[in-house]
Amino acid sequence: MQLNLTDQEASLLLRVLRNRHEELRVEVRHDHSMRSRAYLLHKERLLRRILDKFPEIDEHAHIEGFEVGSATTIV
């Protein structure tokens, strides 16, 4: 599978994945059920493998070009 992303898209995806990885680590620490903890650890390992495949990119590139008030509002 190949996924082509702009620098901004890749930056945002990386940020989201890193945030979710940290959330999973917290969930694992607080889970006391062996079965669900094992599943969370499995998900955490998969996510870590995905993160390891990312090249070095500007983690803040997704912010470039953003201006307050420039977002589209859907009513």
PDB file of N, CA and C in Angstrom:
ATOM      1  N   MET A   1       0.840  -1.171   0.000  1.00  0.00           N
ATOM      2  CA  MET A   1       0.000   0.000   0.000  1.00  0.00           C
ATOM      3  C   MET A   1       0.886   1.234   0.000  1.00  0.00           C
ATOM      4  N   GLN A   2       0.478   2.227  -0.761  1.00  0.00           N
ATOM      5  CA  GLN A   2       1.215   3.476  -0.806  1.00  0.00           C
ATOM      6  C   GLN A   2       0.240   4.607  -0.532  1.00  0.00           C
ATOM      7  N   LEU A   3       0.680   5.571   0.247  1.00  0.00           N
ATOM      8  CA  LEU A   3      -0.143   6.712   0.604  1.00  0.00           C
ATOM      9  C   LEU A   3       0.664   7.967   0.315  1.00  0.00           C
ATOM     10  N   ASN A   4       0.155   8.806  -0.559  1.00  0.00           N
ATOM     11  CA  ASN A   4       0.849  10.048  -0.899  1.00  0.00           C
ATOM     12  C   ASN A   4       0.192  11.205  -0.155  1.00  0.00           C
ATOM     13  N   LEU A   5       0.990  11.907   0.625  1.00  0.00           N
ATOM     14  CA  LEU A   5       0.489  13.018   1.434  1.00  0.00           C
ATOM     15  C   LEU A   5       1.338  14.262   1.211  1.00  0.00           C
ATOM     16  N   THR A   6       0.707  15.413   1.344  1.00  0.00           N
ATOM     17  CA  THR A   6       1.471  16.655   1.345  1.00  0.00           C
ATOM     18  C   THR A   6       2.218  16.739   2.675  1.00  0.00           C
ATOM     19  N   ASP A   7       3.161  17.662   2.776  1.00  0.00           N
ATOM     20  CA  ASP A   7       3.884  17.843   4.040  1.00  0.00           C
ATOM     21  C   ASP A   7       2.919  18.193   5.168  1.00  0.00           C
ATOM     22  N   GLN A   8       1.940  19.036   4.876  1.00  0.00           N
ATOM     23  CA  GLN A   8       0.969  19.418   5.901  1.00  0.00           C
ATOM     24  C   GLN A   8       0.132  18.218   6.344  1.00  0.00           C
ATOM     25  N   GLU A   9      -0.315  17.410   5.393  1.00  0.00           N
ATOM     26  CA  GLU A   9      -1.117  16.231   5.728  1.00  0.00           C
ATOM     27  C   GLU A   9      -0.299  15.227   6.530  1.00  0.00           C
ATOM     28  N   ALA A  10       0.931  14.982   6.117  1.00  0.00           N
ATOM     29  CA  ALA A  10       1.801  14.046   6.823  1.00  0.00           C
ATOM     30  C   ALA A  10       2.099  14.535   8.236  1.00  0.00           C
ATOM     31  N   SER A  11       2.298  15.832   8.374  1.00  0.00           N
ATOM     32  CA  SER A  11       2.575  16.422   9.680  1.00  0.00           C
ATOM     33  C   SER A  11       1.396  16.228  10.626  1.00  0.00           C
ATOM     34  N   LEU A  12       0.193  16.480  10.131  1.00  0.00           N
ATOM     35  CA  LEU A  12      -0.996  16.321  10.964  1.00  0.00           C
ATOM     36  C   LEU A  12      -1.217  14.853  11.307  1.00  0.00           C
ATOM     37  N   LEU A  13      -1.065  13.971  10.338  1.00  0.00           N
ATOM     38  CA  LEU A  13      -1.238  12.544  10.598  1.00  0.00           C
ATOM     39  C   LEU A  13      -0.235  12.063  11.635  1.00  0.00           C
ATOM     40  N   LEU A  14       1.001  12.480  11.515  1.00  0.00           N
ATOM     41  CA  LEU A  14       2.021  12.105  12.492  1.00  0.00           C
ATOM     42  C   LEU A  14       1.638  12.588  13.882  1.00  0.00           C
ATOM     43  N   ARG A  15       1.164  13.818  13.969  1.00  0.00           N
ATOM     44  CA  ARG A  15       0.756  14.378  15.263  1.00  0.00           C
ATOM     45  C   ARG A  15      -0.380  13.574  15.880  1.00  0.00           C
ATOM     46  N   VAL A  16      -1.376  13.215  15.060  1.00  0.00           N
ATOM     47  CA  VAL A  16      -2.525  12.433  15.538  1.00  0.00           C
ATOM     48  C   VAL A  16      -2.065  11.046  16.001  1.00  0.00           C
ATOM     49  N   LEU A  17      -1.210  10.407  15.212  1.00  0.00           N
ATOM     50  CA  LEU A  17      -0.722   9.079  15.580  1.00  0.00           C
ATOM     51  C   LEU A  17       0.096   9.107  16.869  1.00  0.00           C
ATOM     52  N   ARG A  18       0.936  10.110  17.022  1.00  0.00           N
ATOM     53  CA  ARG A  18       1.732  10.214  18.260  1.00  0.00           C
ATOM     54  C   ARG A  18       0.836  10.446  19.470  1.00  0.00           C
ATOM     55  N   ASN A  19      -0.181  11.300  19.301  1.00  0.00           N
ATOM     56  CA  ASN A  19      -1.111  11.542  20.410  1.00  0.00           C
ATOM     57  C   ASN A  19      -1.846  10.259  20.791  1.00  0.00           C
ATOM     58  N   ARG A  20      -2.303   9.516  19.794  1.00  0.00           N
ATOM     59  CA  ARG A  20      -3.018   8.261  20.074  1.00  0.00           C
ATOM     60  C   ARG A  20      -2.092   7.234  20.716  1.00  0.00           C
ATOM     61  N   HIS A  21      -0.838   7.220  20.294  1.00  0.00           N
ATOM     62  CA  HIS A  21       0.129   6.301  20.883  1.00  0.00           C
ATOM     63  C   HIS A  21       0.288   6.596  22.374  1.00  0.00           C
ATOM     64  N   GLU A  22       0.387   7.863  22.719  1.00  0.00           N
ATOM     65  CA  GLU A  22       0.503   8.238  24.137  1.00  0.00           C
ATOM     66  C   GLU A  22      -0.758   7.869  24.909  1.00  0.00           C
ATOM     67  N   GLU A  23      -1.920   8.070  24.300  1.00  0.00           N
ATOM     68  CA  GLU A  23      -3.179   7.696  24.954  1.00  0.00           C
ATOM     69  C   GLU A  23      -3.225   6.191  25.208  1.00  0.00           C
ATOM     70  N   LEU A  24      -2.780   5.411  24.239  1.00  0.00           N
ATOM     71  CA  LEU A  24      -2.764   3.955  24.405  1.00  0.00           C
ATOM     72  C   LEU A  24      -1.857   3.542  25.556  1.00  0.00           C
ATOM     73  N   ARG A  25      -0.719   4.196  25.675  1.00  0.00           N
ATOM     74  CA  ARG A  25       0.207   3.867  26.761  1.00  0.00           C
ATOM     75  C   ARG A  25      -0.448   4.096  28.116  1.00  0.00           C
ATOM     76  N   VAL A  26      -1.213   5.175  28.219  1.00  0.00           N
ATOM     77  CA  VAL A  26      -1.932   5.466  29.472  1.00  0.00           C
ATOM     78  C   VAL A  26      -3.012   4.407  29.711  1.00  0.00           C
ATOM     79  N   GLU A  27      -3.751   4.050  28.663  1.00  0.00           N
ATOM     80  CA  GLU A  27      -4.786   3.026  28.791  1.00  0.00           C
ATOM     81  C   GLU A  27      -4.195   1.708  29.267  1.00  0.00           C
ATOM     82  N   VAL A  28      -3.063   1.324  28.726  1.00  0.00           N
ATOM     83  CA  VAL A  28      -2.415   0.068  29.114  1.00  0.00           C
ATOM     84  C   VAL A  28      -2.072   0.104  30.596  1.00  0.00           C
ATOM     85  N   ARG A  29      -1.535   1.222  31.062  1.00  0.00           N
ATOM     86  CA  ARG A  29      -1.143   1.327  32.477  1.00  0.00           C
ATOM     87  C   ARG A  29      -2.337   1.216  33.413  1.00  0.00           C
ATOM     88  N   HIS A  30      -3.507   1.673  32.971  1.00  0.00           N
ATOM     89  CA  HIS A  30      -4.680   1.691  33.844  1.00  0.00           C
ATOM     90  C   HIS A  30      -5.614   0.506  33.663  1.00  0.00           C
ATOM     91  N   ASP A  31      -5.340  -0.348  32.707  1.00  0.00           N
ATOM     92  CA  ASP A  31      -6.215  -1.492  32.441  1.00  0.00           C
ATOM     93  C   ASP A  31      -5.790  -2.668  33.305  1.00  0.00           C
ATOM     94  N   HIS A  32      -6.752  -3.263  33.988  1.00  0.00           N
ATOM     95  CA  HIS A  32      -6.439  -4.374  34.889  1.00  0.00           C
ATOM     96  C   HIS A  32      -6.926  -5.716  34.351  1.00  0.00           C
ATOM     97  N   SER A  33      -7.613  -5.704  33.234  1.00  0.00           N
ATOM     98  CA  SER A  33      -8.074  -6.940  32.611  1.00  0.00           C
ATOM     99  C   SER A  33      -6.963  -7.472  31.699  1.00  0.00           C
ATOM    100  N   MET A  34      -6.547  -8.704  31.931  1.00  0.00           N
ATOM    101  CA  MET A  34      -5.448  -9.266  31.143  1.00  0.00           C
ATOM    102  C   MET A  34      -5.784  -9.302  29.656  1.00  0.00           C
ATOM    103  N   ARG A  35      -7.024  -9.653  29.332  1.00  0.00           N
ATOM    104  CA  ARG A  35      -7.418  -9.773  27.928  1.00  0.00           C
ATOM    105  C   ARG A  35      -7.403  -8.413  27.224  1.00  0.00           C
ATOM    106  N   SER A  36      -8.041  -7.408  27.812  1.00  0.00           N
ATOM    107  CA  SER A  36      -8.077  -6.101  27.155  1.00  0.00           C
ATOM    108  C   SER A  36      -6.704  -5.431  27.189  1.00  0.00           C
ATOM    109  N   ARG A  37      -5.938  -5.674  28.233  1.00  0.00           N
ATOM    110  CA  ARG A  37      -4.585  -5.120  28.304  1.00  0.00           C
ATOM    111  C   ARG A  37      -3.713  -5.698  27.184  1.00  0.00           C
ATOM    112  N   ALA A  38      -3.851  -7.011  26.936  1.00  0.00           N
ATOM    113  CA  ALA A  38      -3.087  -7.651  25.865  1.00  0.00           C
ATOM    114  C   ALA A  38      -3.477  -7.049  24.516  1.00  0.00           C
ATOM    115  N   TYR A  39      -4.771  -6.798  24.317  1.00  0.00           N
ATOM    116  CA  TYR A  39      -5.226  -6.190  23.072  1.00  0.00           C
ATOM    117  C   TYR A  39      -4.675  -4.773  22.921  1.00  0.00           C
ATOM    118  N   LEU A  40      -4.696  -3.991  23.989  1.00  0.00           N
ATOM    119  CA  LEU A  40      -4.160  -2.634  23.951  1.00  0.00           C
ATOM    120  C   LEU A  40      -2.661  -2.645  23.664  1.00  0.00           C
ATOM    121  N   LEU A  41      -1.942  -3.577  24.248  1.00  0.00           N
ATOM    122  CA  LEU A  41      -0.508  -3.691  23.987  1.00  0.00           C
ATOM    123  C   LEU A  41      -0.250  -4.046  22.529  1.00  0.00           C
ATOM    124  N   HIS A  42      -1.083  -4.911  21.972  1.00  0.00           N
ATOM    125  CA  HIS A  42      -0.974  -5.269  20.564  1.00  0.00           C
ATOM    126  C   HIS A  42      -1.177  -4.029  19.690  1.00  0.00           C
ATOM    127  N   LYS A  43      -2.225  -3.244  19.984  1.00  0.00           N
ATOM    128  CA  LYS A  43      -2.485  -2.022  19.231  1.00  0.00           C
ATOM    129  C   LYS A  43      -1.340  -1.033  19.381  1.00  0.00           C
ATOM    130  N   GLU A  44      -0.787  -0.932  20.571  1.00  0.00           N
ATOM    131  CA  GLU A  44       0.322  -0.011  20.826  1.00  0.00           C
ATOM    132  C   GLU A  44       1.554  -0.406  20.013  1.00  0.00           C
ATOM    133  N   ARG A  45       1.833  -1.708  19.936  1.00  0.00           N
ATOM    134  CA  ARG A  45       2.977  -2.183  19.147  1.00  0.00           C
ATOM    135  C   ARG A  45       2.776  -1.910  17.664  1.00  0.00           C
ATOM    136  N   LEU A  46       1.554  -2.145  17.155  1.00  0.00           N
ATOM    137  CA  LEU A  46       1.262  -1.862  15.749  1.00  0.00           C
ATOM    138  C   LEU A  46       1.429  -0.375  15.447  1.00  0.00           C
ATOM    139  N   LEU A  47       0.921   0.447  16.330  1.00  0.00           N
ATOM    140  CA  LEU A  47       1.031   1.894  16.126  1.00  0.00           C
ATOM    141  C   LEU A  47       2.486   2.336  16.177  1.00  0.00           C
ATOM    142  N   ARG A  48       3.261   1.749  17.057  1.00  0.00           N
ATOM    143  CA  ARG A  48       4.695   2.064  17.127  1.00  0.00           C
ATOM    144  C   ARG A  48       5.388   1.695  15.819  1.00  0.00           C
ATOM    145  N   ARG A  49       5.023   0.544  15.226  1.00  0.00           N
ATOM    146  CA  ARG A  49       5.612   0.137  13.945  1.00  0.00           C
ATOM    147  C   ARG A  49       5.257   1.127  12.846  1.00  0.00           C
ATOM    148  N   ILE A  50       4.018   1.605  12.865  1.00  0.00           N
ATOM    149  CA  ILE A  50       3.607   2.608  11.870  1.00  0.00           C
ATOM    150  C   ILE A  50       4.413   3.885  12.061  1.00  0.00           C
ATOM    151  N   LEU A  51       4.523   4.347  13.297  1.00  0.00           N
ATOM    152  CA  LEU A  51       5.272   5.576  13.574  1.00  0.00           C
ATOM    153  C   LEU A  51       6.735   5.448  13.158  1.00  0.00           C
ATOM    154  N   ASP A  52       7.300   4.270  13.330  1.00  0.00           N
ATOM    155  CA  ASP A  52       8.705   4.054  12.956  1.00  0.00           C
ATOM    156  C   ASP A  52       8.922   4.147  11.450  1.00  0.00           C
ATOM    157  N   LYS A  53       7.872   4.009  10.673  1.00  0.00           N
ATOM    158  CA  LYS A  53       7.985   4.082   9.209  1.00  0.00           C
ATOM    159  C   LYS A  53       7.957   5.515   8.685  1.00  0.00           C
ATOM    160  N   PHE A  54       7.593   6.461   9.526  1.00  0.00           N
ATOM    161  CA  PHE A  54       7.544   7.853   9.084  1.00  0.00           C
ATOM    162  C   PHE A  54       8.954   8.403   8.917  1.00  0.00           C
ATOM    163  N   PRO A  55       9.194   9.105   7.824  1.00  0.00           N
ATOM    164  CA  PRO A  55      10.486   9.775   7.672  1.00  0.00           C
ATOM    165  C   PRO A  55      10.525  10.992   8.597  1.00  0.00           C
ATOM    166  N   GLU A  56      11.697  11.554   8.741  1.00  0.00           N
ATOM    167  CA  GLU A  56      11.819  12.785   9.527  1.00  0.00           C
ATOM    168  C   GLU A  56      11.099  13.906   8.773  1.00  0.00           C
ATOM    169  N   ILE A  57      10.086  14.483   9.395  1.00  0.00           N
ATOM    170  CA  ILE A  57       9.354  15.592   8.782  1.00  0.00           C
ATOM    171  C   ILE A  57       9.155  16.679   9.822  1.00  0.00           C
ATOM    172  N   ASP A  58       8.834  17.868   9.336  1.00  0.00           N
ATOM    173  CA  ASP A  58       8.537  18.988  10.226  1.00  0.00           C
ATOM    174  C   ASP A  58       7.197  18.714  10.897  1.00  0.00           C
ATOM    175  N   GLU A  59       7.240  18.444  12.176  1.00  0.00           N
ATOM    176  CA  GLU A  59       6.026  18.071  12.897  1.00  0.00           C
ATOM    177  C   GLU A  59       5.018  19.215  12.984  1.00  0.00           C
ATOM    178  N   HIS A  60       5.450  20.407  12.684  1.00  0.00           N
ATOM    179  CA  HIS A  60       4.552  21.558  12.773  1.00  0.00           C
ATOM    180  C   HIS A  60       4.130  22.082  11.406  1.00  0.00           C
ATOM    181  N   ALA A  61       4.412  21.345  10.353  1.00  0.00           N
ATOM    182  CA  ALA A  61       4.071  21.788   8.995  1.00  0.00           C
ATOM    183  C   ALA A  61       2.570  21.933   8.801  1.00  0.00           C
ATOM    184  N   HIS A  62       1.779  21.176   9.580  1.00  0.00           N
ATOM    185  CA  HIS A  62       0.329  21.262   9.418  1.00  0.00           C
ATOM    186  C   HIS A  62      -0.225  22.620   9.842  1.00  0.00           C
ATOM    187  N   ILE A  63       0.558  23.398  10.551  1.00  0.00           N
ATOM    188  CA  ILE A  63       0.112  24.714  11.024  1.00  0.00           C
ATOM    189  C   ILE A  63       0.338  25.788   9.958  1.00  0.00           C
ATOM    190  N   GLU A  64       1.273  25.551   9.047  1.00  0.00           N
ATOM    191  CA  GLU A  64       1.606  26.545   8.029  1.00  0.00           C
ATOM    192  C   GLU A  64       0.384  26.917   7.200  1.00  0.00           C
ATOM    193  N   GLY A  65       0.199  28.191   6.994  1.00  0.00           N
ATOM    194  CA  GLY A  65      -0.909  28.668   6.176  1.00  0.00           C
ATOM    195  C   GLY A  65      -2.212  28.827   6.927  1.00  0.00           C
ATOM    196  N   PHE A  66      -2.247  28.411   8.188  1.00  0.00           N
ATOM    197  CA  PHE A  66      -3.477  28.551   8.963  1.00  0.00           C
ATOM    198  C   PHE A  66      -3.596  29.979   9.481  1.00  0.00           C
ATOM    199  N   GLU A  67      -4.772  30.549   9.314  1.00  0.00           N
ATOM    200  CA  GLU A  67      -5.062  31.867   9.861  1.00  0.00           C
ATOM    201  C   GLU A  67      -6.401  31.799  10.581  1.00  0.00           C
ATOM    202  N   VAL A  68      -6.487  32.459  11.704  1.00  0.00           N
ATOM    203  CA  VAL A  68      -7.734  32.512  12.440  1.00  0.00           C
ATOM    204  C   VAL A  68      -8.803  33.134  11.552  1.00  0.00           C
ATOM    205  N   GLY A  69      -9.944  32.490  11.486  1.00  0.00           N
ATOM    206  CA  GLY A  69     -11.042  33.010  10.674  1.00  0.00           C
ATOM    207  C   GLY A  69     -11.026  32.510   9.242  1.00  0.00           C
ATOM    208  N   SER A  70     -10.004  31.710   8.883  1.00  0.00           N
ATOM    209  CA  SER A  70      -9.916  31.246   7.504  1.00  0.00           C
ATOM    210  C   SER A  70     -10.634  29.909   7.292  1.00  0.00           C
ATOM    211  N   ALA A  71     -11.102  29.291   8.378  1.00  0.00           N
ATOM    212  CA  ALA A  71     -11.784  28.005   8.253  1.00  0.00           C
ATOM    213  C   ALA A  71     -13.179  28.183   7.680  1.00  0.00           C
ATOM    214  N   THR A  72     -13.637  27.189   6.983  1.00  0.00           N
ATOM    215  CA  THR A  72     -14.982  27.223   6.414  1.00  0.00           C
ATOM    216  C   THR A  72     -15.953  26.703   7.452  1.00  0.00           C
ATOM    217  N   THR A  73     -17.044  27.410   7.625  1.00  0.00           N
ATOM    218  CA  THR A  73     -18.078  26.989   8.563  1.00  0.00           C
ATOM    219  C   THR A  73     -19.252  26.432   7.789  1.00  0.00           C
ATOM    220  N   ILE A  74     -19.686  25.249   8.167  1.00  0.00           N
ATOM    221  CA  ILE A  74     -20.853  24.633   7.526  1.00  0.00           C
ATOM    222  C   ILE A  74     -22.018  24.766   8.474  1.00  0.00           C
ATOM    223  N   VAL A  75     -23.094  25.347   7.973  1.00  0.00           N
ATOM    224  CA  VAL A  75     -24.274  25.572   8.819  1.00  0.00           C
ATOM    225  C   VAL A  75     -25.334  24.548   8.510  1.00  0.00           C
TER     226      VAL A  75
END
